């Protein structure tokens, strides 16, 4: 209808169609950008979780004590370090985990990499390791800590703890042969909750938060695989 009151139905239908088309276009754009926004958010969360859960560089390295460093300097390439591979790597709720355990045979030091969720325990970003740690063998002998390194990354705390005067008799290891080589053929292992039962030699790591034992992990046994690696001090 124009200013004189004349009615033009075709013009009105055309205008209505244009308005409807424009509204539809706007709705499509809203749905499109909402969809891509949700996708970006989901992928952002996934990438953040992947990045935040990666280990700190500290647990990938070795930080034996100063005494071990002196011995290593004297022995040079003869200084022997083993990577210790065991099955018992974390507590029941996954809040404490051991990573990259090492044994310096000549220095008699056993070094454990530790990773834990800070929020589960202290609820804040830690500036030091909040646990009491004990390394005990199957006979009940307890070993003293000779070096500790600590750092944090995102939601996790990381530490490397070295224990002194640890002597592992390789001849009792089920993969070991007298010529000094290790076999990687799997023997019959009797396990319970990740811990080996039919072992003559064993080392257990006890992790206490206050008075509570939050983890008991078998970090060495006769069925652990010992792999000789190059010595490279992290500090």
Protein backbone atom coordinates (compact mmCIF):
# COMPACT_ATOMS: atom_id res chain seq x y z
CA UNK A 1 0.00 0.00 0.00
CA UNK A 2 1.35 3.39 -1.01
CA UNK A 3 0.73 6.85 0.43
CA UNK A 4 -2.51 7.10 -1.53
CA UNK A 5 -3.81 3.94 0.03
CA UNK A 6 -3.42 1.78 -3.04
CA UNK A 7 -2.72 -1.90 -2.36
CA UNK A 8 0.12 -3.77 -4.14
CA UNK A 9 0.07 -7.43 -2.92
CA UNK A 10 3.00 -8.48 -5.13
CA UNK A 11 5.24 -5.83 -3.63
CA UNK A 12 4.22 -6.88 -0.11
CA UNK A 13 4.96 -10.55 -0.85
CA UNK A 14 8.32 -9.56 -2.27
CA UNK A 15 9.20 -7.54 0.84
CA UNK A 16 7.98 -10.33 3.13
CA UNK A 17 10.09 -12.85 1.23
CA UNK A 18 13.15 -10.64 1.52
CA UNK A 19 12.60 -10.19 5.27
CA UNK A 20 12.06 -13.94 5.70
CA UNK A 21 15.18 -14.72 3.70
CA UNK A 22 17.23 -12.26 5.74
CA UNK A 23 15.98 -13.70 9.06
CA UNK A 24 16.75 -17.23 7.83
CA UNK A 25 20.24 -16.14 6.82
CA UNK A 26 20.82 -14.60 10.25
CA UNK A 27 19.58 -17.76 12.00
CA UNK A 28 21.85 -19.92 9.84
CA UNK A 29 24.83 -17.72 10.69
CA UNK A 30 24.02 -17.92 14.40
CA UNK A 31 23.86 -21.72 14.27
CA UNK A 32 27.01 -21.89 12.16
CA UNK A 33 29.12 -19.73 14.44
CA UNK A 34 27.66 -21.39 17.55
CA UNK A 35 28.61 -24.81 16.14
CA UNK A 36 32.14 -23.74 15.28
CA UNK A 37 32.47 -21.98 18.62
CA UNK A 38 31.51 -25.16 20.46
CA UNK A 39 33.95 -27.17 18.34
CA UNK A 40 36.74 -24.71 19.09
CA UNK A 41 35.93 -24.85 22.81
CA UNK A 42 35.93 -28.66 22.86
CA UNK A 43 39.23 -28.88 20.99
CA UNK A 44 40.66 -26.17 23.22
CA UNK A 45 39.75 -28.21 26.29
CA UNK A 46 41.23 -31.36 24.73
CA UNK A 47 44.52 -29.65 23.85
CA UNK A 48 44.69 -28.05 27.30
CA UNK A 49 44.17 -31.41 28.99
CA UNK A 50 46.86 -32.98 26.82
CA UNK A 51 49.31 -30.15 27.49
CA UNK A 52 48.54 -29.91 31.21
CA UNK A 53 48.94 -33.65 31.75
CA UNK A 54 52.37 -33.97 30.12
CA UNK A 55 55.28 -34.60 32.43
CA UNK A 56 57.71 -31.91 33.48
CA UNK A 57 61.20 -32.16 32.03
CA UNK A 58 62.56 -32.90 35.51
CA UNK A 59 61.17 -36.45 35.69
CA UNK A 60 62.72 -37.33 32.34
CA UNK A 61 66.23 -36.65 33.64
CA UNK A 62 68.51 -38.05 36.36
CA UNK A 63 69.50 -36.11 39.49
CA UNK A 64 71.69 -38.38 41.57
CA UNK A 65 73.45 -37.00 44.65
CA UNK A 66 76.71 -35.06 44.66
CA UNK A 67 78.51 -38.20 45.86
CA UNK A 68 77.21 -40.08 42.83
CA UNK A 69 78.41 -37.29 40.55
CA UNK A 70 81.94 -37.61 41.97
CA UNK A 71 81.92 -41.37 41.39
CA UNK A 72 80.61 -40.87 37.86
CA UNK A 73 83.40 -38.41 37.08
CA UNK A 74 85.99 -40.93 38.27
CA UNK A 75 84.56 -43.89 36.36
CA UNK A 76 83.61 -42.06 33.19
CA UNK A 77 81.95 -44.39 30.67
CA UNK A 78 82.18 -47.26 33.17
CA UNK A 79 79.58 -45.61 35.42
CA UNK A 80 76.50 -47.85 35.09
CA UNK A 81 72.90 -46.62 35.23
CA UNK A 82 69.82 -48.80 34.69
CA UNK A 83 66.29 -47.79 33.82
CA UNK A 84 63.98 -49.84 36.05
CA UNK A 85 60.69 -50.93 34.52
CA UNK A 86 58.05 -52.20 36.94
CA UNK A 87 54.30 -52.82 36.80
CA UNK A 88 53.25 -51.02 40.00
CA UNK A 89 53.32 -47.39 38.86
CA UNK A 90 50.42 -45.57 40.57
CA UNK A 91 48.12 -45.69 43.57
CA UNK A 92 44.48 -46.79 43.37
CA UNK A 93 42.95 -43.39 42.58
CA UNK A 94 45.75 -42.32 40.24
CA UNK A 95 46.75 -39.27 42.28
CA UNK A 96 50.35 -40.46 42.85
CA UNK A 97 52.49 -42.02 40.15
CA UNK A 98 56.14 -43.07 39.79
CA UNK A 99 57.90 -42.23 36.53
CA UNK A 100 61.32 -43.12 35.12
CA UNK A 101 62.92 -44.98 38.04
CA UNK A 102 66.71 -45.35 37.81
CA UNK A 103 69.43 -47.35 39.54
CA UNK A 104 73.04 -46.13 39.65
CA UNK A 105 74.85 -49.38 40.41
CA UNK A 106 78.31 -47.95 41.15
CA UNK A 107 76.94 -45.21 43.42
CA UNK A 108 74.39 -47.57 45.03
CA UNK A 109 71.60 -45.05 44.53
CA UNK A 110 68.00 -45.75 43.54
CA UNK A 111 66.25 -42.71 42.08
CA UNK A 112 62.48 -42.43 41.77
CA UNK A 113 60.49 -39.99 39.65
CA UNK A 114 57.27 -38.89 41.35
CA UNK A 115 54.22 -37.18 39.87
CA UNK A 116 51.08 -36.20 41.81
CA UNK A 117 47.95 -34.05 41.52
CA UNK A 118 48.45 -30.94 43.61
CA UNK A 119 44.75 -30.04 43.93
CA UNK A 120 43.93 -33.45 45.37
CA UNK A 121 46.24 -32.86 48.31
CA UNK A 122 47.14 -29.25 49.10
CA UNK A 123 44.57 -27.60 46.84
CA UNK A 124 47.10 -25.01 45.68
CA UNK A 125 50.28 -24.63 43.63
CA UNK A 126 52.98 -26.23 45.77
CA UNK A 127 56.40 -24.75 46.35
CA UNK A 128 57.84 -27.93 47.87
CA UNK A 129 57.10 -31.66 48.01
CA UNK A 130 54.31 -32.12 50.62
CA UNK A 131 54.95 -35.83 51.25
CA UNK A 132 57.06 -37.96 53.55
CA UNK A 133 58.72 -40.75 51.57
CA UNK A 134 60.15 -44.08 52.65
CA UNK A 135 61.95 -46.70 50.60
CA UNK A 136 61.90 -50.10 52.29
CA UNK A 137 63.10 -53.51 51.10
CA UNK A 138 61.44 -56.87 51.64
CA UNK A 139 63.43 -57.42 54.85
CA UNK A 140 62.21 -54.14 56.34
CA UNK A 141 65.43 -52.18 55.83
CA UNK A 142 64.78 -48.48 55.24
CA UNK A 143 66.98 -46.33 52.99
CA UNK A 144 67.83 -42.67 53.52
CA UNK A 145 67.10 -39.92 51.01
CA UNK A 146 70.31 -38.41 49.63
CA UNK A 147 68.91 -35.96 47.09
CA UNK A 148 65.55 -34.37 46.20
CA UNK A 149 64.58 -32.19 43.24
CA UNK A 150 61.12 -30.62 42.89
CA UNK A 151 59.09 -28.62 40.38
CA UNK A 152 55.50 -28.08 39.20
CA UNK A 153 53.76 -27.98 35.84
CA UNK A 154 50.12 -26.90 35.54
CA UNK A 155 48.06 -29.12 37.90
CA UNK A 156 50.87 -31.51 38.82
CA UNK A 157 53.84 -31.61 41.16
CA UNK A 158 56.99 -33.49 40.14
CA UNK A 159 59.98 -34.72 42.09
CA UNK A 160 63.05 -36.87 41.73
CA UNK A 161 64.17 -38.54 44.94
CA UNK A 162 67.41 -40.49 45.31
CA UNK A 163 67.93 -43.09 48.04
CA UNK A 164 71.41 -44.05 49.24
CA UNK A 165 73.13 -47.39 49.90
CA UNK A 166 70.74 -49.46 47.80
CA UNK A 167 72.35 -52.68 46.61
CA UNK A 168 70.45 -54.71 44.03
CA UNK A 169 71.67 -58.26 43.43
CA UNK A 170 71.22 -58.60 39.69
CA UNK A 171 71.83 -62.35 39.83
CA UNK A 172 68.40 -62.83 41.45
CA UNK A 173 66.69 -60.94 38.62
CA UNK A 174 64.74 -63.38 36.45
CA UNK A 175 65.91 -61.63 33.28
CA UNK A 176 69.60 -61.70 34.20
CA UNK A 177 72.27 -64.14 32.99
CA UNK A 178 75.78 -64.64 34.31
CA UNK A 179 77.37 -63.27 31.15
CA UNK A 180 75.94 -59.85 32.08
CA UNK A 181 73.12 -59.78 29.56
CA UNK A 182 69.41 -59.51 30.28
CA UNK A 183 66.74 -61.63 28.63
CA UNK A 184 63.43 -60.07 27.62
CA UNK A 185 61.53 -63.35 27.61
CA UNK A 186 58.65 -63.04 30.05
CA UNK A 187 58.77 -65.51 32.96
CA UNK A 188 55.71 -66.62 34.93
CA UNK A 189 54.84 -63.71 37.23
CA UNK A 190 52.46 -64.04 40.17
CA UNK A 191 50.90 -60.60 40.66
CA UNK A 192 48.34 -58.96 42.90
CA UNK A 193 47.16 -55.39 42.21
CA UNK A 194 50.25 -54.69 40.12
CA UNK A 195 52.68 -56.00 42.73
CA UNK A 196 54.79 -59.13 42.17
CA UNK A 197 54.37 -61.74 44.88
CA UNK A 198 56.84 -64.46 43.93
CA UNK A 199 59.96 -62.33 44.33
CA UNK A 200 62.96 -62.70 46.63
CA UNK A 201 64.08 -59.11 46.19
CA UNK A 202 61.74 -56.13 46.38
CA UNK A 203 61.77 -52.39 47.08
CA UNK A 204 58.62 -50.58 48.23
CA UNK A 205 58.00 -46.85 48.13
CA UNK A 206 55.65 -45.53 50.82
CA UNK A 207 54.19 -42.05 50.29
CA UNK A 208 52.61 -40.30 53.30
CA UNK A 209 50.55 -37.13 53.26
CA UNK A 210 50.50 -36.13 56.90
CA UNK A 211 49.73 -39.34 58.77
CA UNK A 212 47.93 -40.95 55.84
CA UNK A 213 49.66 -43.44 53.54
CA UNK A 214 48.46 -42.33 50.10
CA UNK A 215 50.57 -44.77 48.07
CA UNK A 216 52.45 -48.04 48.49
CA UNK A 217 54.27 -48.93 45.29
CA UNK A 218 56.60 -51.80 44.47
CA UNK A 219 59.37 -50.02 42.60
CA UNK A 220 61.68 -53.02 42.19
CA UNK A 221 61.35 -56.81 42.15
CA UNK A 222 63.07 -59.85 40.60
CA UNK A 223 60.93 -59.56 37.47
CA UNK A 224 61.65 -55.88 36.76
CA UNK A 225 63.38 -55.17 33.47
CA UNK A 226 66.72 -53.42 33.87
CA UNK A 227 67.83 -51.53 30.78
CA UNK A 228 71.29 -49.96 30.79
CA UNK A 229 71.18 -46.32 29.70
CA UNK A 230 73.71 -43.52 29.22
CA UNK A 231 74.57 -41.43 32.27
CA UNK A 232 73.73 -37.74 31.89
CA UNK A 233 73.26 -35.70 35.03
CA UNK A 234 70.34 -33.29 34.86
CA UNK A 235 71.94 -30.54 36.89
